[in-house]
């Protein structure tokens, strides 16, 4: 029996998929530099989990994104004098090659942030309309106080997660 740690309950719990297919989303890379051992460890670890689920007979749908537009990519593209899109595409190709060399199973779906930006506008506007987000100087921030359960899954007290929650200097609780 496979048991996984549940951050919310703080216990190891038997794994059973919620539907006929086990689904997993793994946060992907921000492609602005070389693949490193941290990437290898992360994606090999999830590869082992996915292969084990398949061994147990669960069909698996594996999604991993690529954050191909980001402050780090823009900064790096300026440093090296390269177009940010070309830079992201190049490092994404290298990442895929590196994972193939490690025999890591590719995701079933590999969305790039730039391909789904327009899909984000509706949900973001809904958050703003419902008072769960707000705009400052063209940036949208999540309004933490609008969600009394915010941070619950992390299990950390507010004084530990709050200092790292916002690096841009808007309302400290957001």
Foldseek 3Di string as FASTA:
>chain_A
DDWDQQLLVRDTDDDDAPDQAREDEDEAEAQQDADDVVNVVVLVVVLVVQVVCVVVPHHYAYEYEYAQDDPSLVVSCVVVVHDSNVNSVVSVVNVVVVCVVVVRDDGPHYYYCVVCVVVVVVVLVVCVVVVQWDDDPRDIDGDQVVDPCPPSSNVDPCVVVQVVPDDPDDPSND
